[in-house]
Amino acid sequence: RSLTIDIATEEGQALARRIAAECDIFVENFKVGGLKRY
């Protein structure tokens, strides 16, 4: 199921973390360290 979130925005980052807290597994394929700033 597709959910659009702009993780470049602070509000989008906070929303993404709230969604992730409801998940068991997190899979990403960003460059090494690329998600730390978000």
PDB file of all heavy atoms in Angstrom:
ATOM      1  N   ARG A   1       0.859  -1.178   0.000  1.00  0.00           N
ATOM      2  CA  ARG A   1       0.000   0.000   0.000  1.00  0.00           C
ATOM      3  C   ARG A   1       0.899   1.234   0.000  1.00  0.00           C
ATOM      4  O   ARG A   1       1.878   1.287   0.747  1.00  0.00           O
ATOM      5  CB  ARG A   1      -0.932   0.001   1.211  1.00  0.00           C
ATOM      6  CG  ARG A   1      -1.935  -1.139   1.188  1.00  0.00           C
ATOM      7  CD  ARG A   1      -2.988  -0.984   2.279  1.00  0.00           C
ATOM      8  NE  ARG A   1      -2.455  -1.278   3.612  1.00  0.00           N
ATOM      9  CZ  ARG A   1      -3.147  -1.067   4.738  1.00  0.00           C
ATOM     10  NH1 ARG A   1      -4.371  -0.541   4.686  1.00  0.00           N
ATOM     11  NH2 ARG A   1      -2.620  -1.376   5.915  1.00  0.00           N
ATOM     12  N   SER A   2       0.584   2.199  -0.843  1.00  0.00           N
ATOM     13  CA  SER A   2       1.449   3.362  -1.031  1.00  0.00           C
ATOM     14  C   SER A   2       0.984   4.547  -0.191  1.00  0.00           C
ATOM     15  O   SER A   2      -0.178   4.958  -0.246  1.00  0.00           O
ATOM     16  CB  SER A   2       1.489   3.765  -2.507  1.00  0.00           C
ATOM     17  OG  SER A   2       2.229   4.968  -2.680  1.00  0.00           O
ATOM     18  N   LEU A   3       1.938   5.092   0.553  1.00  0.00           N
ATOM     19  CA  LEU A   3       1.727   6.290   1.373  1.00  0.00           C
ATOM     20  C   LEU A   3       2.787   7.307   0.997  1.00  0.00           C
ATOM     21  O   LEU A   3       3.990   7.010   1.075  1.00  0.00           O
ATOM     22  CB  LEU A   3       1.834   5.931   2.859  1.00  0.00           C
ATOM     23  CG  LEU A   3       1.965   7.068   3.877  1.00  0.00           C
ATOM     24  CD1 LEU A   3       0.748   7.980   3.842  1.00  0.00           C
ATOM     25  CD2 LEU A   3       2.173   6.497   5.281  1.00  0.00           C
ATOM     26  N   THR A   4       2.390   8.497   0.568  1.00  0.00           N
ATOM     27  CA  THR A   4       3.373   9.530   0.212  1.00  0.00           C
ATOM     28  C   THR A   4       3.719  10.357   1.444  1.00  0.00           C
ATOM     29  O   THR A   4       2.834  10.851   2.147  1.00  0.00           O
ATOM     30  CB  THR A   4       2.846  10.451  -0.898  1.00  0.00           C
ATOM     31  OG1 THR A   4       1.567  10.951  -0.538  1.00  0.00           O
ATOM     32  CG2 THR A   4       2.746   9.698  -2.227  1.00  0.00           C
ATOM     33  N   ILE A   5       5.018  10.488   1.702  1.00  0.00           N
ATOM     34  CA  ILE A   5       5.541  11.334   2.780  1.00  0.00           C
ATOM     35  C   ILE A   5       6.787  12.029   2.262  1.00  0.00           C
ATOM     36  O   ILE A   5       7.673  11.376   1.696  1.00  0.00           O
ATOM     37  CB  ILE A   5       5.909  10.521   4.044  1.00  0.00           C
ATOM     38  CG1 ILE A   5       4.702   9.764   4.595  1.00  0.00           C
ATOM     39  CG2 ILE A   5       6.485  11.443   5.111  1.00  0.00           C
ATOM     40  CD1 ILE A   5       5.020   8.941   5.839  1.00  0.00           C
ATOM     41  N   ASP A   6       6.880  13.322   2.468  1.00  0.00           N
ATOM     42  CA  ASP A   6       8.086  14.069   2.121  1.00  0.00           C
ATOM     43  C   ASP A   6       9.013  14.077   3.324  1.00  0.00           C
ATOM     44  O   ASP A   6       8.853  14.889   4.248  1.00  0.00           O
ATOM     45  CB  ASP A   6       7.734  15.496   1.706  1.00  0.00           C
ATOM     46  CG  ASP A   6       8.945  16.251   1.156  1.00  0.00           C
ATOM     47  OD1 ASP A   6      10.071  15.705   1.229  1.00  0.00           O
ATOM     48  OD2 ASP A   6       8.769  17.370   0.661  1.00  0.00           O
ATOM     49  N   ILE A   7       9.983  13.177   3.325  1.00  0.00           N
ATOM     50  CA  ILE A   7      10.875  13.071   4.483  1.00  0.00           C
ATOM     51  C   ILE A   7      11.908  14.184   4.521  1.00  0.00           C
ATOM     52  O   ILE A   7      12.701  14.262   5.468  1.00  0.00           O
ATOM     53  CB  ILE A   7      11.581  11.694   4.527  1.00  0.00           C
ATOM     54  CG1 ILE A   7      12.492  11.500   3.304  1.00  0.00           C
ATOM     55  CG2 ILE A   7      10.561  10.565   4.639  1.00  0.00           C
ATOM     56  CD1 ILE A   7      13.379  10.269   3.388  1.00  0.00           C
ATOM     57  N   ALA A   8      11.898  15.066   3.522  1.00  0.00           N
ATOM     58  CA  ALA A   8      12.784  16.235   3.567  1.00  0.00           C
ATOM     59  C   ALA A   8      12.222  17.320   4.470  1.00  0.00           C
ATOM     60  O   ALA A   8      12.926  18.278   4.802  1.00  0.00           O
ATOM     61  CB  ALA A   8      13.005  16.791   2.163  1.00  0.00           C
ATOM     62  N   THR A   9      10.963  17.214   4.875  1.00  0.00           N
ATOM     63  CA  THR A   9      10.356  18.192   5.775  1.00  0.00           C
ATOM     64  C   THR A   9      10.341  17.651   7.197  1.00  0.00           C
ATOM     65  O   THR A   9      10.244  16.434   7.416  1.00  0.00           O
ATOM     66  CB  THR A   9       8.916  18.512   5.348  1.00  0.00           C
ATOM     67  OG1 THR A   9       8.092  17.354   5.557  1.00  0.00           O
ATOM     68  CG2 THR A   9       8.859  18.922   3.874  1.00  0.00           C
ATOM     69  N   GLU A  10      10.418  18.551   8.175  1.00  0.00           N
ATOM     70  CA  GLU A  10      10.404  18.116   9.576  1.00  0.00           C
ATOM     71  C   GLU A  10       9.090  17.420   9.915  1.00  0.00           C
ATOM     72  O   GLU A  10       9.074  16.418  10.627  1.00  0.00           O
ATOM     73  CB  GLU A  10      10.630  19.314  10.498  1.00  0.00           C
ATOM     74  CG  GLU A  10      12.042  19.872  10.455  1.00  0.00           C
ATOM     75  CD  GLU A  10      12.262  20.950  11.506  1.00  0.00           C
ATOM     76  OE1 GLU A  10      11.366  21.141  12.357  1.00  0.00           O
ATOM     77  OE2 GLU A  10      13.326  21.577  11.472  1.00  0.00           O
ATOM     78  N   GLU A  11       7.999  17.944   9.383  1.00  0.00           N
ATOM     79  CA  GLU A  11       6.703  17.337   9.670  1.00  0.00           C
ATOM     80  C   GLU A  11       6.612  15.949   9.035  1.00  0.00           C
ATOM     81  O   GLU A  11       6.074  15.016   9.640  1.00  0.00           O
ATOM     82  CB  GLU A  11       5.587  18.240   9.152  1.00  0.00           C
ATOM     83  CG  GLU A  11       4.224  17.898   9.715  1.00  0.00           C
ATOM     84  CD  GLU A  11       3.202  19.003   9.495  1.00  0.00           C
ATOM     85  OE1 GLU A  11       3.300  19.707   8.478  1.00  0.00           O
ATOM     86  OE2 GLU A  11       2.311  19.133  10.347  1.00  0.00           O
ATOM     87  N   GLY A  12       7.165  15.813   7.835  1.00  0.00           N
ATOM     88  CA  GLY A  12       7.183  14.515   7.197  1.00  0.00           C
ATOM     89  C   GLY A  12       8.048  13.517   7.949  1.00  0.00           C
ATOM     90  O   GLY A  12       7.692  12.339   8.080  1.00  0.00           O
ATOM     91  N   GLN A  13       9.182  13.972   8.463  1.00  0.00           N
ATOM     92  CA  GLN A  13      10.062  13.099   9.242  1.00  0.00           C
ATOM     93  C   GLN A  13       9.360  12.608  10.510  1.00  0.00           C
ATOM     94  O   GLN A  13       9.428  11.423  10.856  1.00  0.00           O
ATOM     95  CB  GLN A  13      11.341  13.847   9.595  1.00  0.00           C
ATOM     96  CG  GLN A  13      12.213  14.176   8.400  1.00  0.00           C
ATOM     97  CD  GLN A  13      13.200  15.287   8.680  1.00  0.00           C
ATOM     98  OE1 GLN A  13      13.529  15.585   9.832  1.00  0.00           O
ATOM     99  NE2 GLN A  13      13.685  15.925   7.610  1.00  0.00           N
ATOM    100  N   ALA A  14       8.692  13.527  11.202  1.00  0.00           N
ATOM    101  CA  ALA A  14       7.982  13.145  12.422  1.00  0.00           C
ATOM    102  C   ALA A  14       6.870  12.152  12.109  1.00  0.00           C
ATOM    103  O   ALA A  14       6.667  11.172  12.847  1.00  0.00           O
ATOM    104  CB  ALA A  14       7.409  14.396  13.091  1.00  0.00           C
ATOM    105  N   LEU A  15       6.184  12.381  11.014  1.00  0.00           N
ATOM    106  CA  LEU A  15       5.117  11.466  10.610  1.00  0.00           C
ATOM    107  C   LEU A  15       5.684  10.092  10.270  1.00  0.00           C
ATOM    108  O   LEU A  15       5.118   9.059  10.661  1.00  0.00           O
ATOM    109  CB  LEU A  15       4.384  12.048   9.406  1.00  0.00           C
ATOM    110  CG  LEU A  15       3.148  11.298   8.908  1.00  0.00           C
ATOM    111  CD1 LEU A  15       2.066  11.290   9.985  1.00  0.00           C
ATOM    112  CD2 LEU A  15       2.626  11.925   7.624  1.00  0.00           C
ATOM    113  N   ALA A  16       6.816  10.059   9.563  1.00  0.00           N
ATOM    114  CA  ALA A  16       7.449   8.790   9.208  1.00  0.00           C
ATOM    115  C   ALA A  16       7.849   8.008  10.452  1.00  0.00           C
ATOM    116  O   ALA A  16       7.676   6.782  10.515  1.00  0.00           O
ATOM    117  CB  ALA A  16       8.666   9.037   8.323  1.00  0.00           C
ATOM    118  N   ARG A  17       8.373   8.689  11.464  1.00  0.00           N
ATOM    119  CA  ARG A  17       8.756   7.994  12.692  1.00  0.00           C
ATOM    120  C   ARG A  17       7.527   7.432  13.404  1.00  0.00           C
ATOM    121  O   ARG A  17       7.579   6.341  13.981  1.00  0.00           O
ATOM    122  CB  ARG A  17       9.537   8.940  13.612  1.00  0.00           C
ATOM    123  CG  ARG A  17      10.978   9.165  13.166  1.00  0.00           C
ATOM    124  CD  ARG A  17      11.795   9.903  14.220  1.00  0.00           C
ATOM    125  NE  ARG A  17      11.380  11.303  14.334  1.00  0.00           N
ATOM    126  CZ  ARG A  17      11.871  12.302  13.607  1.00  0.00           C
ATOM    127  NH1 ARG A  17      12.789  12.039  12.684  1.00  0.00           N
ATOM    128  NH2 ARG A  17      11.452  13.530  13.779  1.00  0.00           N
ATOM    129  N   ARG A  18       6.427   8.166  13.377  1.00  0.00           N
ATOM    130  CA  ARG A  18       5.206   7.661  14.002  1.00  0.00           C
ATOM    131  C   ARG A  18       4.710   6.401  13.286  1.00  0.00           C
ATOM    132  O   ARG A  18       4.273   5.449  13.934  1.00  0.00           O
ATOM    133  CB  ARG A  18       4.123   8.738  13.996  1.00  0.00           C
ATOM    134  CG  ARG A  18       4.403   9.913  14.914  1.00  0.00           C
ATOM    135  CD  ARG A  18       3.285  10.951  14.811  1.00  0.00           C
ATOM    136  NE  ARG A  18       1.997  10.426  15.306  1.00  0.00           N
ATOM    137  CZ  ARG A  18       0.837  11.068  15.185  1.00  0.00           C
ATOM    138  NH1 ARG A  18       0.797  12.236  14.558  1.00  0.00           N
ATOM    139  NH2 ARG A  18      -0.276  10.525  15.664  1.00  0.00           N
ATOM    140  N   ILE A  19       4.781   6.415  11.954  1.00  0.00           N
ATOM    141  CA  ILE A  19       4.380   5.224  11.200  1.00  0.00           C
ATOM    142  C   ILE A  19       5.330   4.067  11.493  1.00  0.00           C
ATOM    143  O   ILE A  19       4.901   2.923  11.710  1.00  0.00           O
ATOM    144  CB  ILE A  19       4.355   5.507   9.689  1.00  0.00           C
ATOM    145  CG1 ILE A  19       3.312   6.574   9.343  1.00  0.00           C
ATOM    146  CG2 ILE A  19       4.109   4.233   8.889  1.00  0.00           C
ATOM    147  CD1 ILE A  19       1.887   6.136   9.488  1.00  0.00           C
ATOM    148  N   ALA A  20       6.641   4.339  11.526  1.00  0.00           N
ATOM    149  CA  ALA A  20       7.631   3.292  11.776  1.00  0.00           C
ATOM    150  C   ALA A  20       7.426   2.646  13.142  1.00  0.00           C
ATOM    151  O   ALA A  20       7.670   1.440  13.317  1.00  0.00           O
ATOM    152  CB  ALA A  20       9.039   3.864  11.670  1.00  0.00           C
ATOM    153  N   ALA A  21       6.968   3.430  14.114  1.00  0.00           N
ATOM    154  CA  ALA A  21       6.727   2.893  15.455  1.00  0.00           C
ATOM    155  C   ALA A  21       5.606   1.860  15.457  1.00  0.00           C
ATOM    156  O   ALA A  21       5.498   1.054  16.396  1.00  0.00           O
ATOM    157  CB  ALA A  21       6.407   4.029  16.428  1.00  0.00           C
ATOM    158  N   GLU A  22       4.780   1.871  14.406  1.00  0.00           N
ATOM    159  CA  GLU A  22       3.694   0.908  14.290  1.00  0.00           C
ATOM    160  C   GLU A  22       4.090  -0.306  13.447  1.00  0.00           C
ATOM    161  O   GLU A  22       3.243  -1.144  13.137  1.00  0.00           O
ATOM    162  CB  GLU A  22       2.471   1.584  13.667  1.00  0.00           C
ATOM    163  CG  GLU A  22       1.940   2.780  14.436  1.00  0.00           C
ATOM    164  CD  GLU A  22       1.469   2.393  15.824  1.00  0.00           C
ATOM    165  OE1 GLU A  22       0.843   1.317  15.956  1.00  0.00           O
ATOM    166  OE2 GLU A  22       1.731   3.154  16.778  1.00  0.00           O
ATOM    167  N   CYS A  23       5.353  -0.380  13.054  1.00  0.00           N
ATOM    168  CA  CYS A  23       5.821  -1.445  12.162  1.00  0.00           C
ATOM    169  C   CYS A  23       6.774  -2.393  12.879  1.00  0.00           C
ATOM    170  O   CYS A  23       7.388  -2.041  13.894  1.00  0.00           O
ATOM    171  CB  CYS A  23       6.515  -0.834  10.944  1.00  0.00           C
ATOM    172  SG  CYS A  23       5.413   0.162   9.902  1.00  0.00           S
ATOM    173  N   ASP A  24       6.918  -3.584  12.335  1.00  0.00           N
ATOM    174  CA  ASP A  24       7.841  -4.590  12.868  1.00  0.00           C
ATOM    175  C   ASP A  24       9.174  -4.583  12.140  1.00  0.00           C
ATOM    176  O   ASP A  24      10.208  -4.923  12.728  1.00  0.00           O
ATOM    177  CB  ASP A  24       7.218  -5.988  12.720  1.00  0.00           C
ATOM    178  CG  ASP A  24       5.892  -6.103  13.429  1.00  0.00           C
ATOM    179  OD1 ASP A  24       5.904  -6.298  14.652  1.00  0.00           O
ATOM    180  OD2 ASP A  24       4.849  -5.973  12.759  1.00  0.00           O
ATOM    181  N   ILE A  25       9.131  -4.234  10.869  1.00  0.00           N
ATOM    182  CA  ILE A  25      10.299  -4.337   9.991  1.00  0.00           C
ATOM    183  C   ILE A  25      10.443  -3.028   9.230  1.00  0.00           C
ATOM    184  O   ILE A  25       9.453  -2.457   8.771  1.00  0.00           O
ATOM    185  CB  ILE A  25      10.120  -5.510   8.997  1.00  0.00           C
ATOM    186  CG1 ILE A  25       9.975  -6.839   9.750  1.00  0.00           C
ATOM    187  CG2 ILE A  25      11.280  -5.579   8.005  1.00  0.00           C
ATOM    188  CD1 ILE A  25       9.341  -7.947   8.916  1.00  0.00           C
ATOM    189  N   PHE A  26      11.674  -2.555   9.110  1.00  0.00           N
ATOM    190  CA  PHE A  26      11.979  -1.320   8.379  1.00  0.00           C
ATOM    191  C   PHE A  26      13.016  -1.690   7.325  1.00  0.00           C
ATOM    192  O   PHE A  26      14.072  -2.207   7.647  1.00  0.00           O
ATOM    193  CB  PHE A  26      12.559  -0.292   9.364  1.00  0.00           C
ATOM    194  CG  PHE A  26      12.708   1.117   8.855  1.00  0.00           C
ATOM    195  CD1 PHE A  26      12.003   2.151   9.439  1.00  0.00           C
ATOM    196  CD2 PHE A  26      13.594   1.434   7.825  1.00  0.00           C
ATOM    197  CE1 PHE A  26      12.144   3.460   9.017  1.00  0.00           C
ATOM    198  CE2 PHE A  26      13.752   2.730   7.388  1.00  0.00           C
ATOM    199  CZ  PHE A  26      13.021   3.758   7.990  1.00  0.00           C
ATOM    200  N   VAL A  27      12.715  -1.436   6.050  1.00  0.00           N
ATOM    201  CA  VAL A  27      13.649  -1.764   4.973  1.00  0.00           C
ATOM    202  C   VAL A  27      13.934  -0.484   4.193  1.00  0.00           C
ATOM    203  O   VAL A  27      13.006   0.222   3.782  1.00  0.00           O
ATOM    204  CB  VAL A  27      13.085  -2.840   4.024  1.00  0.00           C
ATOM    205  CG1 VAL A  27      14.161  -3.274   3.023  1.00  0.00           C
ATOM    206  CG2 VAL A  27      12.578  -4.047   4.803  1.00  0.00           C
ATOM    207  N   GLU A  28      15.223  -0.177   4.002  1.00  0.00           N
ATOM    208  CA  GLU A  28      15.612   1.031   3.258  1.00  0.00           C
ATOM    209  C   GLU A  28      16.810   0.741   2.381  1.00  0.00           C
ATOM    210  O   GLU A  28      17.607  -0.151   2.676  1.00  0.00           O
ATOM    211  CB  GLU A  28      15.902   2.180   4.230  1.00  0.00           C
ATOM    212  CG  GLU A  28      17.022   1.929   5.251  1.00  0.00           C
ATOM    213  CD  GLU A  28      18.404   2.350   4.771  1.00  0.00           C
ATOM    214  OE1 GLU A  28      18.518   2.963   3.677  1.00  0.00           O
ATOM    215  OE2 GLU A  28      19.372   2.052   5.484  1.00  0.00           O
ATOM    216  N   ASN A  29      16.941   1.511   1.281  1.00  0.00           N
ATOM    217  CA  ASN A  29      18.116   1.336   0.423  1.00  0.00           C
ATOM    218  C   ASN A  29      18.698   2.686   0.011  1.00  0.00           C
ATOM    219  O   ASN A  29      19.065   2.901  -1.135  1.00  0.00           O
ATOM    220  CB  ASN A  29      17.789   0.457  -0.793  1.00  0.00           C
ATOM    221  CG  ASN A  29      16.716   1.038  -1.707  1.00  0.00           C
ATOM    222  OD1 ASN A  29      16.035   1.993  -1.352  1.00  0.00           O
ATOM    223  ND2 ASN A  29      16.568   0.451  -2.879  1.00  0.00           N
ATOM    224  N   PHE A  30      18.820   3.581   1.006  1.00  0.00           N
ATOM    225  CA  PHE A  30      19.495   4.849   0.797  1.00  0.00           C
ATOM    226  C   PHE A  30      21.007   4.658   0.919  1.00  0.00           C
ATOM    227  O   PHE A  30      21.486   3.647   1.454  1.00  0.00           O
ATOM    228  CB  PHE A  30      19.022   5.881   1.831  1.00  0.00           C
ATOM    229  CG  PHE A  30      17.680   6.484   1.509  1.00  0.00           C
ATOM    230  CD1 PHE A  30      16.522   5.706   1.503  1.00  0.00           C
ATOM    231  CD2 PHE A  30      17.564   7.826   1.211  1.00  0.00           C
ATOM    232  CE1 PHE A  30      15.289   6.255   1.197  1.00  0.00           C
ATOM    233  CE2 PHE A  30      16.333   8.396   0.904  1.00  0.00           C
ATOM    234  CZ  PHE A  30      15.200   7.607   0.896  1.00  0.00           C
ATOM    235  N   LYS A  31      21.769   5.640   0.424  1.00  0.00           N
ATOM    236  CA  LYS A  31      23.219   5.587   0.596  1.00  0.00           C
ATOM    237  C   LYS A  31      23.568   5.554   2.076  1.00  0.00           C
ATOM    238  O   LYS A  31      22.800   6.044   2.923  1.00  0.00           O
ATOM    239  CB  LYS A  31      23.874   6.804  -0.078  1.00  0.00           C
ATOM    240  CG  LYS A  31      23.858   6.759  -1.600  1.00  0.00           C
ATOM    241  CD  LYS A  31      24.491   8.007  -2.195  1.00  0.00           C
ATOM    242  CE  LYS A  31      25.973   8.105  -1.855  1.00  0.00           C
ATOM    243  NZ  LYS A  31      26.615   9.269  -2.528  1.00  0.00           N
ATOM    244  N   VAL A  32      24.740   5.007   2.389  1.00  0.00           N
ATOM    245  CA  VAL A  32      25.176   4.896   3.778  1.00  0.00           C
ATOM    246  C   VAL A  32      25.118   6.270   4.446  1.00  0.00           C
ATOM    247  O   VAL A  32      25.672   7.254   3.938  1.00  0.00           O
ATOM    248  CB  VAL A  32      26.604   4.324   3.848  1.00  0.00           C
ATOM    249  CG1 VAL A  32      27.145   4.409   5.271  1.00  0.00           C
ATOM    250  CG2 VAL A  32      26.615   2.879   3.363  1.00  0.00           C
ATOM    251  N   GLY A  33      24.437   6.345   5.561  1.00  0.00           N
ATOM    252  CA  GLY A  33      24.322   7.597   6.315  1.00  0.00           C
ATOM    253  C   GLY A  33      23.281   8.555   5.784  1.00  0.00           C
ATOM    254  O   GLY A  33      23.021   9.600   6.389  1.00  0.00           O
ATOM    255  N   GLY A  34      22.635   8.211   4.656  1.00  0.00           N
ATOM    256  CA  GLY A  34      21.721   9.140   4.008  1.00  0.00           C
ATOM    257  C   GLY A  34      20.468   9.453   4.810  1.00  0.00           C
ATOM    258  O   GLY A  34      19.882  10.527   4.650  1.00  0.00           O
ATOM    259  N   LEU A  35      20.039   8.541   5.667  1.00  0.00           N
ATOM    260  CA  LEU A  35      18.809   8.758   6.424  1.00  0.00           C
ATOM    261  C   LEU A  35      19.050   9.392   7.789  1.00  0.00           C
ATOM    262  O   LEU A  35      18.079   9.784   8.459  1.00  0.00           O
ATOM    263  CB  LEU A  35      18.058   7.431   6.596  1.00  0.00           C
ATOM    264  CG  LEU A  35      17.401   6.876   5.326  1.00  0.00           C
ATOM    265  CD1 LEU A  35      16.741   5.527   5.606  1.00  0.00           C
ATOM    266  CD2 LEU A  35      16.374   7.859   4.778  1.00  0.00           C
ATOM    267  N   LYS A  36      20.293   9.511   8.186  1.00  0.00           N
ATOM    268  CA  LYS A  36      20.586  10.077   9.506  1.00  0.00           C
ATOM    269  C   LYS A  36      20.085  11.514   9.614  1.00  0.00           C
ATOM    270  O   LYS A  36      19.521  11.915  10.638  1.00  0.00           O
ATOM    271  CB  LYS A  36      22.086  10.016   9.781  1.00  0.00           C
ATOM    272  CG  LYS A  36      22.469  10.445  11.191  1.00  0.00           C
ATOM    273  CD  LYS A  36      23.954  10.234  11.440  1.00  0.00           C
ATOM    274  CE  LYS A  36      24.333  10.631  12.863  1.00  0.00           C
ATOM    275  NZ  LYS A  36      23.636   9.813  13.876  1.00  0.00           N
ATOM    276  N   ARG A  37      20.259  12.290   8.547  1.00  0.00           N
ATOM    277  CA  ARG A  37      19.851  13.698   8.604  1.00  0.00           C
ATOM    278  C   ARG A  37      18.340  13.857   8.673  1.00  0.00           C
ATOM    279  O   ARG A  37      17.825  14.923   9.023  1.00  0.00           O
ATOM    280  CB  ARG A  37      20.401  14.461   7.406  1.00  0.00           C
ATOM    281  CG  ARG A  37      19.948  13.941   6.052  1.00  0.00           C
ATOM    282  CD  ARG A  37      20.484  14.790   4.931  1.00  0.00           C
ATOM    283  NE  ARG A  37      20.245  14.210   3.630  1.00  0.00           N
ATOM    284  CZ  ARG A  37      20.283  14.908   2.487  1.00  0.00           C
ATOM    285  NH1 ARG A  37      20.566  16.202   2.517  1.00  0.00           N
ATOM    286  NH2 ARG A  37      20.062  14.308   1.350  1.00  0.00           N
ATOM    287  N   TYR A  38      17.603  12.804   8.345  1.00  0.00           N
ATOM    288  CA  TYR A  38      16.145  12.845   8.430  1.00  0.00           C
ATOM    289  C   TYR A  38      15.620  12.221   9.729  1.00  0.00           C
ATOM    290  O   TYR A  38      14.410  12.170   9.939  1.00  0.00           O
ATOM    291  CB  TYR A  38      15.526  12.099   7.253  1.00  0.00           C
ATOM    292  CG  TYR A  38      15.940  12.602   5.899  1.00  0.00           C
ATOM    293  CD1 TYR A  38      16.487  11.739   4.948  1.00  0.00           C
ATOM    294  CD2 TYR A  38      15.779  13.945   5.548  1.00  0.00           C
ATOM    295  CE1 TYR A  38      16.855  12.204   3.687  1.00  0.00           C
ATOM    296  CE2 TYR A  38      16.148  14.413   4.302  1.00  0.00           C
ATOM    297  CZ  TYR A  38      16.688  13.535   3.370  1.00  0.00           C
ATOM    298  OH  TYR A  38      17.054  13.996   2.135  1.00  0.00           O
TER     299      TYR A  38
END
